Amino acid sequence: VCVQHVAPGECKRSIPRFFYNLYDQKCQPFIFSGCNGNGNNFKTLQDCQSRCV
C-alpha cells in the first residue's frame, strides 16, 4: 500500500485524504475524487502514519 503512487481518481468529488509519499518518506494531504483510487489513501494523517511511517 505505502509504495503505491498517489491516485486522486477520476470522479468529481473533492475529499481531503492523505497518502504516503515514498520519496519524501512522509504522509501528505491530497484531494481524492471519490473513485478509481488505490490503497495509498487514508482518511486521517494518523491512519497514514500508523500504517506507513
Protein backbone atom coordinates (compact mmCIF):
# COMPACT_ATOMS: atom_id res chain seq x y z
CA VAL A 1 0.00 0.00 0.00
CA CYS A 2 2.62 2.53 1.06
CA VAL A 3 4.72 2.06 -2.09
CA GLN A 4 1.84 2.85 -4.46
CA HIS A 5 1.74 6.21 -6.22
CA VAL A 6 -0.94 8.67 -5.15
CA ALA A 7 -4.16 8.13 -7.14
CA PRO A 8 -6.58 11.08 -6.99
CA GLY A 9 -9.11 9.22 -9.14
CA GLU A 10 -11.35 10.39 -11.96
CA CYS A 11 -14.64 11.47 -10.39
CA LYS A 12 -15.85 14.93 -9.45
CA ARG A 13 -15.90 14.92 -5.65
CA SER A 14 -13.26 16.69 -3.54
CA ILE A 15 -12.47 14.58 -0.49
CA PRO A 16 -9.47 15.55 1.67
CA ARG A 17 -7.27 12.48 2.25
CA PHE A 18 -3.66 11.55 2.99
CA PHE A 19 -1.16 9.39 1.12
CA TYR A 20 2.33 8.16 1.91
CA ASN A 21 4.97 9.83 -0.25
CA LEU A 22 7.69 7.22 -0.63
CA TYR A 23 10.24 9.74 -1.93
CA ASP A 24 9.77 12.21 0.94
CA GLN A 25 9.09 9.37 3.40
CA LYS A 26 6.13 11.11 5.00
CA CYS A 27 2.36 11.30 4.78
CA GLN A 28 0.97 14.21 2.80
CA PRO A 29 -2.51 15.55 2.02
CA PHE A 30 -4.19 15.21 -1.36
CA ILE A 31 -7.69 15.58 -2.79
CA PHE A 32 -9.43 12.32 -3.68
CA SER A 33 -12.13 12.47 -6.34
CA GLY A 34 -14.19 9.63 -4.86
CA CYS A 35 -13.45 6.77 -7.28
CA ASN A 36 -10.66 4.82 -9.01
CA GLY A 37 -8.14 5.28 -6.21
CA ASN A 38 -5.82 2.72 -4.64
CA GLY A 39 -4.83 1.58 -1.16
CA ASN A 40 -2.48 4.51 -0.55
CA ASN A 41 -5.46 6.61 0.52
CA PHE A 42 -6.07 7.30 4.20
CA LYS A 43 -8.89 9.20 5.89
CA THR A 44 -6.62 10.72 8.52
CA LEU A 45 -2.97 11.64 8.93
CA GLN A 46 -2.82 9.29 11.92
CA ASP A 47 -4.08 6.36 9.82
CA CYS A 48 -1.40 7.01 7.22
CA GLN A 49 1.37 7.38 9.77
CA SER A 50 0.43 4.27 11.74
CA ARG A 51 0.45 2.18 8.55
CA CYS A 52 3.41 3.60 6.64
CA VAL A 53 5.81 5.58 8.85
